Amino acid sequence: MSQLEPAGCQALCQIVGDRAMRMLAVVQHDEIAKFPQLLPPKLPTETHYGIVDALIQRSYKEKTTAYIPAIDRLIEQRADELNESSLPETWPANRENLIKAFSG
């Protein structure tokens, strides 16, 4: 709270409201999508490409293979969206590198 206090109440309300709308947009997407003006703009990490990319980066940073199943699943389920990127082609090599480097 001490970090938020200098911004003031109004800024805190905006932050909380933004986070709440982002969560609603995920869990109630079909309902909120009926009202496009209520959809918050997507952040780069909210696209499937951004999520996969962030998970790959975290895997290397945290030196872990824990995110591999989630990445596999996202690439499998969202292949239509991700095929426009190089992720489906580069992921198998990245996957093997993560396993070799951090399975122990």
PDB file of N, CA and C in Angstrom:
ATOM      1  N   MET A   1       0.814  -1.182   0.000  1.00  0.00           N
ATOM      2  CA  MET A   1       0.000   0.000   0.000  1.00  0.00           C
ATOM      3  C   MET A   1       0.866   1.257   0.000  1.00  0.00           C
ATOM      4  N   SER A   2       2.009   1.153   0.639  1.00  0.00           N
ATOM      5  CA  SER A   2       2.874   2.335   0.692  1.00  0.00           C
ATOM      6  C   SER A   2       3.360   2.725  -0.704  1.00  0.00           C
ATOM      7  N   GLN A   3       3.473   1.759  -1.606  1.00  0.00           N
ATOM      8  CA  GLN A   3       3.882   2.070  -2.974  1.00  0.00           C
ATOM      9  C   GLN A   3       2.735   2.699  -3.768  1.00  0.00           C
ATOM     10  N   LEU A   4       1.520   2.359  -3.437  1.00  0.00           N
ATOM     11  CA  LEU A   4       0.357   2.891  -4.141  1.00  0.00           C
ATOM     12  C   LEU A   4      -0.081   4.244  -3.604  1.00  0.00           C
ATOM     13  N   GLU A   5       0.177   4.511  -2.347  1.00  0.00           N
ATOM     14  CA  GLU A   5      -0.311   5.713  -1.693  1.00  0.00           C
ATOM     15  C   GLU A   5       0.071   7.010  -2.397  1.00  0.00           C
ATOM     16  N   PRO A   6       1.308   7.163  -2.899  1.00  0.00           N
ATOM     17  CA  PRO A   6       1.641   8.420  -3.574  1.00  0.00           C
ATOM     18  C   PRO A   6       0.784   8.705  -4.814  1.00  0.00           C
ATOM     19  N   ALA A   7       0.284   7.664  -5.476  1.00  0.00           N
ATOM     20  CA  ALA A   7      -0.539   7.855  -6.677  1.00  0.00           C
ATOM     21  C   ALA A   7      -1.924   8.390  -6.328  1.00  0.00           C
ATOM     22  N   GLY A   8      -2.390   8.097  -5.153  1.00  0.00           N
ATOM     23  CA  GLY A   8      -3.688   8.585  -4.721  1.00  0.00           C
ATOM     24  C   GLY A   8      -4.818   7.613  -4.991  1.00  0.00           C
ATOM     25  N   CYS A   9      -5.943   7.930  -4.417  1.00  0.00           N
ATOM     26  CA  CYS A   9      -7.126   7.071  -4.490  1.00  0.00           C
ATOM     27  C   CYS A   9      -7.628   6.909  -5.924  1.00  0.00           C
ATOM     28  N   GLN A  10      -7.671   7.994  -6.670  1.00  0.00           N
ATOM     29  CA  GLN A  10      -8.194   7.939  -8.039  1.00  0.00           C
ATOM     30  C   GLN A  10      -7.371   6.991  -8.912  1.00  0.00           C
ATOM     31  N   ALA A  11      -6.048   7.074  -8.800  1.00  0.00           N
ATOM     32  CA  ALA A  11      -5.176   6.200  -9.582  1.00  0.00           C
ATOM     33  C   ALA A  11      -5.360   4.743  -9.166  1.00  0.00           C
ATOM     34  N   LEU A  12      -5.503   4.512  -7.875  1.00  0.00           N
ATOM     35  CA  LEU A  12      -5.724   3.147  -7.396  1.00  0.00           C
ATOM     36  C   LEU A  12      -7.035   2.596  -7.934  1.00  0.00           C
ATOM     37  N   CYS A  13      -8.069   3.411  -7.954  1.00  0.00           N
ATOM     38  CA  CYS A  13      -9.360   2.979  -8.504  1.00  0.00           C
ATOM     39  C   CYS A  13      -9.232   2.632  -9.988  1.00  0.00           C
ATOM     40  N   GLN A  14      -8.469   3.409 -10.728  1.00  0.00           N
ATOM     41  CA  GLN A  14      -8.260   3.122 -12.148  1.00  0.00           C
ATOM     42  C   GLN A  14      -7.516   1.804 -12.325  1.00  0.00           C
ATOM     43  N   ILE A  15      -6.496   1.575 -11.519  1.00  0.00           N
ATOM     44  CA  ILE A  15      -5.722   0.329 -11.608  1.00  0.00           C
ATOM     45  C   ILE A  15      -6.615  -0.868 -11.301  1.00  0.00           C
ATOM     46  N   VAL A  16      -7.368  -0.782 -10.207  1.00  0.00           N
ATOM     47  CA  VAL A  16      -8.246  -1.884  -9.801  1.00  0.00           C
ATOM     48  C   VAL A  16      -9.322  -2.113 -10.861  1.00  0.00           C
ATOM     49  N   GLY A  17      -9.913  -1.039 -11.362  1.00  0.00           N
ATOM     50  CA  GLY A  17     -10.939  -1.173 -12.401  1.00  0.00           C
ATOM     51  C   GLY A  17     -10.388  -1.800 -13.671  1.00  0.00           C
ATOM     52  N   ASP A  18      -9.191  -1.375 -14.063  1.00  0.00           N
ATOM     53  CA  ASP A  18      -8.554  -1.940 -15.250  1.00  0.00           C
ATOM     54  C   ASP A  18      -8.325  -3.438 -15.083  1.00  0.00           C
ATOM     55  N   ARG A  19      -7.786  -3.821 -13.928  1.00  0.00           N
ATOM     56  CA  ARG A  19      -7.519  -5.245 -13.677  1.00  0.00           C
ATOM     57  C   ARG A  19      -8.812  -6.054 -13.649  1.00  0.00           C
ATOM     58  N   ALA A  20      -9.846  -5.489 -13.030  1.00  0.00           N
ATOM     59  CA  ALA A  20     -11.130  -6.188 -12.950  1.00  0.00           C
ATOM     60  C   ALA A  20     -11.713  -6.398 -14.348  1.00  0.00           C
ATOM     61  N   MET A  21     -11.677  -5.370 -15.190  1.00  0.00           N
ATOM     62  CA  MET A  21     -12.211  -5.509 -16.552  1.00  0.00           C
ATOM     63  C   MET A  21     -11.392  -6.499 -17.371  1.00  0.00           C
ATOM     64  N   ARG A  22     -10.080  -6.518 -17.171  1.00  0.00           N
ATOM     65  CA  ARG A  22      -9.247  -7.484 -17.901  1.00  0.00           C
ATOM     66  C   ARG A  22      -9.597  -8.913 -17.488  1.00  0.00           C
ATOM     67  N   MET A  23      -9.829  -9.128 -16.187  1.00  0.00           N
ATOM     68  CA  MET A  23     -10.218 -10.464 -15.722  1.00  0.00           C
ATOM     69  C   MET A  23     -11.590 -10.846 -16.278  1.00  0.00           C
ATOM     70  N   LEU A  24     -12.538  -9.922 -16.234  1.00  0.00           N
ATOM     71  CA  LEU A  24     -13.869 -10.194 -16.787  1.00  0.00           C
ATOM     72  C   LEU A  24     -13.803 -10.490 -18.282  1.00  0.00           C
ATOM     73  N   ALA A  25     -12.956  -9.768 -18.987  1.00  0.00           N
ATOM     74  CA  ALA A  25     -12.820  -9.989 -20.428  1.00  0.00           C
ATOM     75  C   ALA A  25     -12.291 -11.380 -20.733  1.00  0.00           C
ATOM     76  N   VAL A  26     -11.561 -11.958 -19.803  1.00  0.00           N
ATOM     77  CA  VAL A  26     -11.055 -13.317 -19.994  1.00  0.00           C
ATOM     78  C   VAL A  26     -12.116 -14.338 -19.610  1.00  0.00           C
ATOM     79  N   VAL A  27     -12.684 -14.205 -18.412  1.00  0.00           N
ATOM     80  CA  VAL A  27     -13.599 -15.237 -17.922  1.00  0.00           C
ATOM     81  C   VAL A  27     -15.012 -15.122 -18.487  1.00  0.00           C
ATOM     82  N   GLN A  28     -15.412 -13.943 -18.926  1.00  0.00           N
ATOM     83  CA  GLN A  28     -16.750 -13.734 -19.499  1.00  0.00           C
ATOM     84  C   GLN A  28     -16.643 -13.124 -20.899  1.00  0.00           C
ATOM     85  N   HIS A  29     -15.663 -13.592 -21.666  1.00  0.00           N
ATOM     86  CA  HIS A  29     -15.372 -12.978 -22.955  1.00  0.00           C
ATOM     87  C   HIS A  29     -16.594 -12.910 -23.872  1.00  0.00           C
ATOM     88  N   ASP A  30     -17.332 -13.985 -23.983  1.00  0.00           N
ATOM     89  CA  ASP A  30     -18.474 -14.006 -24.904  1.00  0.00           C
ATOM     90  C   ASP A  30     -19.522 -12.952 -24.533  1.00  0.00           C
ATOM     91  N   GLU A  31     -19.751 -12.774 -23.236  1.00  0.00           N
ATOM     92  CA  GLU A  31     -20.725 -11.774 -22.792  1.00  0.00           C
ATOM     93  C   GLU A  31     -20.233 -10.355 -23.048  1.00  0.00           C
ATOM     94  N   ILE A  32     -18.984 -10.089 -22.671  1.00  0.00           N
ATOM     95  CA  ILE A  32     -18.447  -8.740 -22.826  1.00  0.00           C
ATOM     96  C   ILE A  32     -18.230  -8.410 -24.304  1.00  0.00           C
ATOM     97  N   ALA A  33     -17.931  -9.408 -25.115  1.00  0.00           N
ATOM     98  CA  ALA A  33     -17.713  -9.172 -26.546  1.00  0.00           C
ATOM     99  C   ALA A  33     -18.968  -8.624 -27.229  1.00  0.00           C
ATOM    100  N   LYS A  34     -20.127  -8.825 -26.625  1.00  0.00           N
ATOM    101  CA  LYS A  34     -21.364  -8.263 -27.175  1.00  0.00           C
ATOM    102  C   LYS A  34     -21.363  -6.740 -27.078  1.00  0.00           C
ATOM    103  N   PHE A  35     -20.490  -6.214 -26.227  1.00  0.00           N
ATOM    104  CA  PHE A  35     -20.390  -4.771 -26.003  1.00  0.00           C
ATOM    105  C   PHE A  35     -18.941  -4.346 -26.246  1.00  0.00           C
ATOM    106  N   PRO A  36     -18.528  -4.233 -27.507  1.00  0.00           N
ATOM    107  CA  PRO A  36     -17.124  -4.004 -27.852  1.00  0.00           C
ATOM    108  C   PRO A  36     -16.482  -2.801 -27.162  1.00  0.00           C
ATOM    109  N   GLN A  37     -17.269  -1.790 -26.840  1.00  0.00           N
ATOM    110  CA  GLN A  37     -16.707  -0.609 -26.182  1.00  0.00           C
ATOM    111  C   GLN A  37     -16.225  -0.929 -24.763  1.00  0.00           C
ATOM    112  N   LEU A  38     -16.699  -2.040 -24.209  1.00  0.00           N
ATOM    113  CA  LEU A  38     -16.281  -2.427 -22.854  1.00  0.00           C
ATOM    114  C   LEU A  38     -15.017  -3.284 -22.847  1.00  0.00           C
ATOM    115  N   LEU A  39     -14.635  -3.806 -24.004  1.00  0.00           N
ATOM    116  CA  LEU A  39     -13.433  -4.644 -24.065  1.00  0.00           C
ATOM    117  C   LEU A  39     -12.187  -3.783 -23.881  1.00  0.00           C
ATOM    118  N   PRO A  40     -11.349  -4.138 -22.910  1.00  0.00           N
ATOM    119  CA  PRO A  40     -10.111  -3.371 -22.740  1.00  0.00           C
ATOM    120  C   PRO A  40      -9.154  -3.676 -23.890  1.00  0.00           C
ATOM    121  N   PRO A  41      -8.305  -2.712 -24.260  1.00  0.00           N
ATOM    122  CA  PRO A  41      -7.330  -2.999 -25.323  1.00  0.00           C
ATOM    123  C   PRO A  41      -6.392  -4.108 -24.863  1.00  0.00           C
ATOM    124  N   LYS A  42      -6.050  -4.972 -25.800  1.00  0.00           N
ATOM    125  CA  LYS A  42      -5.176  -6.090 -25.447  1.00  0.00           C
ATOM    126  C   LYS A  42      -3.742  -5.624 -25.255  1.00  0.00           C
ATOM    127  N   LEU A  43      -3.135  -6.120 -24.207  1.00  0.00           N
ATOM    128  CA  LEU A  43      -1.715  -5.908 -23.992  1.00  0.00           C
ATOM    129  C   LEU A  43      -0.973  -6.967 -24.794  1.00  0.00           C
ATOM    130  N   PRO A  44       0.298  -6.728 -25.143  1.00  0.00           N
ATOM    131  CA  PRO A  44       1.032  -7.735 -25.924  1.00  0.00           C
ATOM    132  C   PRO A  44       1.019  -9.126 -25.291  1.00  0.00           C
ATOM    133  N   THR A  45       1.066  -9.187 -23.969  1.00  0.00           N
ATOM    134  CA  THR A  45       1.087 -10.497 -23.311  1.00  0.00           C
ATOM    135  C   THR A  45      -0.283 -11.147 -23.246  1.00  0.00           C
ATOM    136  N   GLU A  46      -1.321 -10.456 -23.723  1.00  0.00           N
ATOM    137  CA  GLU A  46      -2.656 -11.033 -23.719  1.00  0.00           C
ATOM    138  C   GLU A  46      -3.006 -11.709 -25.039  1.00  0.00           C
ATOM    139  N   THR A  47      -2.144 -11.624 -26.016  1.00  0.00           N
ATOM    140  CA  THR A  47      -2.349 -12.379 -27.246  1.00  0.00           C
ATOM    141  C   THR A  47      -1.763 -13.768 -27.020  1.00  0.00           C
ATOM    142  N   HIS A  48      -2.206 -14.746 -27.784  1.00  0.00           N
ATOM    143  CA  HIS A  48      -1.662 -16.088 -27.598  1.00  0.00           C
ATOM    144  C   HIS A  48      -0.174 -16.115 -27.927  1.00  0.00           C
ATOM    145  N   TYR A  49       0.222 -15.367 -28.952  1.00  0.00           N
ATOM    146  CA  TYR A  49       1.646 -15.279 -29.274  1.00  0.00           C
ATOM    147  C   TYR A  49       2.409 -14.679 -28.090  1.00  0.00           C
ATOM    148  N   GLY A  50       1.889 -13.606 -27.521  1.00  0.00           N
ATOM    149  CA  GLY A  50       2.547 -12.957 -26.394  1.00  0.00           C
ATOM    150  C   GLY A  50       2.649 -13.850 -25.180  1.00  0.00           C
ATOM    151  N   ILE A  51       1.605 -14.633 -24.934  1.00  0.00           N
ATOM    152  CA  ILE A  51       1.620 -15.547 -23.793  1.00  0.00           C
ATOM    153  C   ILE A  51       2.674 -16.625 -23.994  1.00  0.00           C
ATOM    154  N   VAL A  52       2.692 -17.239 -25.172  1.00  0.00           N
ATOM    155  CA  VAL A  52       3.687 -18.287 -25.448  1.00  0.00           C
ATOM    156  C   VAL A  52       5.094 -17.709 -25.368  1.00  0.00           C
ATOM    157  N   ASP A  53       5.294 -16.562 -25.981  1.00  0.00           N
ATOM    158  CA  ASP A  53       6.611 -15.928 -25.952  1.00  0.00           C
ATOM    159  C   ASP A  53       7.044 -15.619 -24.521  1.00  0.00           C
ATOM    160  N   ALA A  54       6.121 -15.098 -23.709  1.00  0.00           N
ATOM    161  CA  ALA A  54       6.441 -14.791 -22.312  1.00  0.00           C
ATOM    162  C   ALA A  54       6.784 -16.061 -21.533  1.00  0.00           C
ATOM    163  N   LEU A  55       6.065 -17.152 -21.794  1.00  0.00           N
ATOM    164  CA  LEU A  55       6.353 -18.416 -21.102  1.00  0.00           C
ATOM    165  C   LEU A  55       7.719 -18.976 -21.501  1.00  0.00           C
ATOM    166  N   ILE A  56       8.067 -18.844 -22.768  1.00  0.00           N
ATOM    167  CA  ILE A  56       9.389 -19.303 -23.216  1.00  0.00           C
ATOM    168  C   ILE A  56      10.470 -18.468 -22.542  1.00  0.00           C
ATOM    169  N   GLN A  57      10.293 -17.168 -22.514  1.00  0.00           N
ATOM    170  CA  GLN A  57      11.281 -16.296 -21.869  1.00  0.00           C
ATOM    171  C   GLN A  57      11.406 -16.604 -20.382  1.00  0.00           C
ATOM    172  N   ARG A  58      10.285 -16.811 -19.723  1.00  0.00           N
ATOM    173  CA  ARG A  58      10.328 -17.153 -18.288  1.00  0.00           C
ATOM    174  C   ARG A  58      11.020 -18.490 -18.067  1.00  0.00           C
ATOM    175  N   SER A  59      10.808 -19.433 -18.972  1.00  0.00           N
ATOM    176  CA  SER A  59      11.464 -20.740 -18.842  1.00  0.00           C
ATOM    177  C   SER A  59      12.973 -20.586 -18.809  1.00  0.00           C
ATOM    178  N   TYR A  60      13.502 -19.789 -19.733  1.00  0.00           N
ATOM    179  CA  TYR A  60      14.946 -19.568 -19.765  1.00  0.00           C
ATOM    180  C   TYR A  60      15.410 -18.766 -18.554  1.00  0.00           C
ATOM    181  N   LYS A  61      14.669 -17.743 -18.197  1.00  0.00           N
ATOM    182  CA  LYS A  61      15.051 -16.893 -17.071  1.00  0.00           C
ATOM    183  C   LYS A  61      15.038 -17.677 -15.752  1.00  0.00           C
ATOM    184  N   GLU A  62      14.002 -18.484 -15.564  1.00  0.00           N
ATOM    185  CA  GLU A  62      13.855 -19.246 -14.326  1.00  0.00           C
ATOM    186  C   GLU A  62      14.551 -20.609 -14.380  1.00  0.00           C
ATOM    187  N   LYS A  63      15.118 -20.918 -15.531  1.00  0.00           N
ATOM    188  CA  LYS A  63      15.824 -22.191 -15.733  1.00  0.00           C
ATOM    189  C   LYS A  63      14.940 -23.378 -15.334  1.00  0.00           C
ATOM    190  N   THR A  64      13.788 -23.440 -15.999  1.00  0.00           N
ATOM    191  CA  THR A  64      12.807 -24.465 -15.663  1.00  0.00           C
ATOM    192  C   THR A  64      12.154 -25.043 -16.911  1.00  0.00           C
ATOM    193  N   THR A  65      11.662 -26.250 -16.769  1.00  0.00           N
ATOM    194  CA  THR A  65      10.876 -26.874 -17.836  1.00  0.00           C
ATOM    195  C   THR A  65       9.390 -26.890 -17.461  1.00  0.00           C
ATOM    196  N   ALA A  66       9.039 -26.254 -16.363  1.00  0.00           N
ATOM    197  CA  ALA A  66       7.677 -26.307 -15.838  1.00  0.00           C
ATOM    198  C   ALA A  66       6.621 -25.746 -16.785  1.00  0.00           C
ATOM    199  N   TYR A  67       7.010 -24.832 -17.654  1.00  0.00           N
ATOM    200  CA  TYR A  67       6.033 -24.201 -18.542  1.00  0.00           C
ATOM    201  C   TYR A  67       5.831 -24.960 -19.851  1.00  0.00           C
ATOM    202  N   ILE A  68       6.627 -25.973 -20.091  1.00  0.00           N
ATOM    203  CA  ILE A  68       6.548 -26.710 -21.356  1.00  0.00           C
ATOM    204  C   ILE A  68       5.151 -27.255 -21.634  1.00  0.00           C
ATOM    205  N   PRO A  69       4.484 -27.921 -20.678  1.00  0.00           N
ATOM    206  CA  PRO A  69       3.136 -28.431 -20.992  1.00  0.00           C
ATOM    207  C   PRO A  69       2.152 -27.331 -21.391  1.00  0.00           C
ATOM    208  N   ALA A  70       2.223 -26.182 -20.734  1.00  0.00           N
ATOM    209  CA  ALA A  70       1.321 -25.077 -21.078  1.00  0.00           C
ATOM    210  C   ALA A  70       1.627 -24.546 -22.472  1.00  0.00           C
ATOM    211  N   ILE A  71       2.903 -24.439 -22.796  1.00  0.00           N
ATOM    212  CA  ILE A  71       3.296 -23.960 -24.127  1.00  0.00           C
ATOM    213  C   ILE A  71       2.835 -24.953 -25.195  1.00  0.00           C
ATOM    214  N   ASP A  72       3.086 -26.236 -24.943  1.00  0.00           N
ATOM    215  CA  ASP A  72       2.631 -27.277 -25.885  1.00  0.00           C
ATOM    216  C   ASP A  72       1.132 -27.151 -26.141  1.00  0.00           C
ATOM    217  N   ARG A  73       0.387 -27.006 -25.073  1.00  0.00           N
ATOM    218  CA  ARG A  73      -1.069 -26.963 -25.195  1.00  0.00           C
ATOM    219  C   ARG A  73      -1.530 -25.717 -25.949  1.00  0.00           C
ATOM    220  N   LEU A  74      -0.951 -24.567 -25.627  1.00  0.00           N
ATOM    221  CA  LEU A  74      -1.327 -23.337 -26.334  1.00  0.00           C
ATOM    222  C   LEU A  74      -1.019 -23.435 -27.824  1.00  0.00           C
ATOM    223  N   ILE A  75       0.152 -23.965 -28.148  1.00  0.00           N
ATOM    224  CA  ILE A  75       0.528 -24.080 -29.563  1.00  0.00           C
ATOM    225  C   ILE A  75      -0.408 -25.055 -30.278  1.00  0.00           C
ATOM    226  N   GLU A  76      -0.783 -26.122 -29.598  1.00  0.00           N
ATOM    227  CA  GLU A  76      -1.697 -27.097 -30.189  1.00  0.00           C
ATOM    228  C   GLU A  76      -3.102 -26.506 -30.355  1.00  0.00           C
ATOM    229  N   GLN A  77      -3.615 -25.863 -29.320  1.00  0.00           N
ATOM    230  CA  GLN A  77      -4.988 -25.358 -29.352  1.00  0.00           C
ATOM    231  C   GLN A  77      -5.145 -24.102 -30.197  1.00  0.00           C
ATOM    232  N   ARG A  78      -4.105 -23.308 -30.294  1.00  0.00           N
ATOM    233  CA  ARG A  78      -4.200 -22.034 -31.004  1.00  0.00           C
ATOM    234  C   ARG A  78      -3.348 -22.016 -32.264  1.00  0.00           C
ATOM    235  N   ALA A  79      -3.174 -23.168 -32.873  1.00  0.00           N
ATOM    236  CA  ALA A  79      -2.333 -23.273 -34.065  1.00  0.00           C
ATOM    237  C   ALA A  79      -2.787 -22.327 -35.163  1.00  0.00           C
ATOM    238  N   ASP A  80      -4.100 -22.167 -35.324  1.00  0.00           N
ATOM    239  CA  ASP A  80      -4.609 -21.285 -36.378  1.00  0.00           C
ATOM    240  C   ASP A  80      -4.131 -19.844 -36.187  1.00  0.00           C
ATOM    241  N   GLU A  81      -4.083 -19.372 -34.949  1.00  0.00           N
ATOM    242  CA  GLU A  81      -3.626 -18.013 -34.678  1.00  0.00           C
ATOM    243  C   GLU A  81      -2.101 -17.904 -34.727  1.00  0.00           C
ATOM    244  N   LEU A  82      -1.431 -18.943 -34.282  1.00  0.00           N
ATOM    245  CA  LEU A  82       0.029 -18.893 -34.158  1.00  0.00           C
ATOM    246  C   LEU A  82       0.749 -19.225 -35.459  1.00  0.00           C
ATOM    247  N   ASN A  83       0.039 -19.816 -36.411  1.00  0.00           N
ATOM    248  CA  ASN A  83       0.683 -20.182 -37.674  1.00  0.00           C
ATOM    249  C   ASN A  83       1.187 -18.979 -38.459  1.00  0.00           C
ATOM    250  N   GLU A  84       0.680 -17.795 -38.126  1.00  0.00           N
ATOM    251  CA  GLU A  84       1.157 -16.581 -38.784  1.00  0.00           C
ATOM    252  C   GLU A  84       2.540 -16.178 -38.268  1.00  0.00           C
ATOM    253  N   SER A  85       2.957 -16.792 -37.173  1.00  0.00           N
ATOM    254  CA  SER A  85       4.274 -16.498 -36.595  1.00  0.00           C
ATOM    255  C   SER A  85       5.196 -17.695 -36.827  1.00  0.00           C
ATOM    256  N   SER A  86       6.416 -17.567 -36.370  1.00  0.00           N
ATOM    257  CA  SER A  86       7.375 -18.670 -36.513  1.00  0.00           C
ATOM    258  C   SER A  86       7.334 -19.618 -35.314  1.00  0.00           C
ATOM    259  N   LEU A  87       6.485 -19.338 -34.325  1.00  0.00           N
ATOM    260  CA  LEU A  87       6.449 -20.162 -33.111  1.00  0.00           C
ATOM    261  C   LEU A  87       6.243 -21.649 -33.369  1.00  0.00           C
ATOM    262  N   PRO A  88       5.265 -22.045 -34.192  1.00  0.00           N
ATOM    263  CA  PRO A  88       5.098 -23.488 -34.408  1.00  0.00           C
ATOM    264  C   PRO A  88       6.349 -24.155 -34.989  1.00  0.00           C
ATOM    265  N   GLU A  89       7.121 -23.410 -35.771  1.00  0.00           N
ATOM    266  CA  GLU A  89       8.343 -23.981 -36.359  1.00  0.00           C
ATOM    267  C   GLU A  89       9.507 -23.984 -35.369  1.00  0.00           C
ATOM    268  N   THR A  90       9.629 -22.941 -34.558  1.00  0.00           N
ATOM    269  CA  THR A  90      10.786 -22.813 -33.664  1.00  0.00           C
ATOM    270  C   THR A  90      10.589 -23.487 -32.318  1.00  0.00           C
ATOM    271  N   TRP A  91       9.342 -23.729 -31.919  1.00  0.00           N
ATOM    272  CA  TRP A  91       9.097 -24.313 -30.606  1.00  0.00           C
ATOM    273  C   TRP A  91       9.751 -25.688 -30.412  1.00  0.00           C
ATOM    274  N   PRO A  92       9.701 -26.623 -31.360  1.00  0.00           N
ATOM    275  CA  PRO A  92      10.332 -27.923 -31.101  1.00  0.00           C
ATOM    276  C   PRO A  92      11.815 -27.801 -30.716  1.00  0.00           C
ATOM    277  N   ALA A  93      12.566 -26.937 -31.382  1.00  0.00           N
ATOM    278  CA  ALA A  93      13.982 -26.755 -31.041  1.00  0.00           C
ATOM    279  C   ALA A  93      14.123 -26.083 -29.679  1.00  0.00           C
ATOM    280  N   ASN A  94      13.307 -25.070 -29.420  1.00  0.00           N
ATOM    281  CA  ASN A  94      13.338 -24.423 -28.107  1.00  0.00           C
ATOM    282  C   ASN A  94      12.980 -25.405 -27.001  1.00  0.00           C
ATOM    283  N   ARG A  95      11.994 -26.238 -27.283  1.00  0.00           N
ATOM    284  CA  ARG A  95      11.546 -27.242 -26.302  1.00  0.00           C
ATOM    285  C   ARG A  95      12.697 -28.187 -25.944  1.00  0.00           C
ATOM    286  N   GLU A  96      13.356 -28.693 -26.973  1.00  0.00           N
ATOM    287  CA  GLU A  96      14.490 -29.596 -26.742  1.00  0.00           C
ATOM    288  C   GLU A  96      15.616 -28.903 -25.977  1.00  0.00           C
ATOM    289  N   ASN A  97      15.900 -27.646 -26.322  1.00  0.00           N
ATOM    290  CA  ASN A  97      16.939 -26.896 -25.614  1.00  0.00           C
ATOM    291  C   ASN A  97      16.597 -26.730 -24.133  1.00  0.00           C
ATOM    292  N   LEU A  98      15.343 -26.433 -23.848  1.00  0.00           N
ATOM    293  CA  LEU A  98      14.920 -26.284 -22.450  1.00  0.00           C
ATOM    294  C   LEU A  98      15.077 -27.597 -21.692  1.00  0.00           C
ATOM    295  N   ILE A  99      14.657 -28.682 -22.320  1.00  0.00           N
ATOM    296  CA  ILE A  99      14.739 -29.991 -21.663  1.00  0.00           C
ATOM    297  C   ILE A  99      16.202 -30.354 -21.401  1.00  0.00           C
ATOM    298  N   LYS A 100      17.055 -30.170 -22.406  1.00  0.00           N
ATOM    299  CA  LYS A 100      18.478 -30.493 -22.233  1.00  0.00           C
ATOM    300  C   LYS A 100      19.126 -29.626 -21.167  1.00  0.00           C
ATOM    301  N   ALA A 101      18.783 -28.358 -21.154  1.00  0.00           N
ATOM    302  CA  ALA A 101      19.447 -27.420 -20.241  1.00  0.00           C
ATOM    303  C   ALA A 101      18.944 -27.514 -18.806  1.00  0.00           C
ATOM    304  N   PHE A 102      17.644 -27.787 -18.626  1.00  0.00           N
ATOM    305  CA  PHE A 102      17.082 -27.621 -17.288  1.00  0.00           C
ATOM    306  C   PHE A 102      16.428 -28.857 -16.682  1.00  0.00           C
ATOM    307  N   SER A 103      16.457 -29.977 -17.374  1.00  0.00           N
ATOM    308  CA  SER A 103      15.984 -31.222 -16.760  1.00  0.00           C
ATOM    309  C   SER A 103      17.146 -31.823 -16.002  1.00  0.00           C
ATOM    310  N   GLY A 104      16.900 -32.114 -14.791  1.00  0.00           N
ATOM    311  CA  GLY A 104      18.065 -32.595 -14.098  1.00  0.00           C
ATOM    312  C   GLY A 104      17.795 -33.512 -13.037  1.00  0.00           C
TER     313      GLY A 104
END
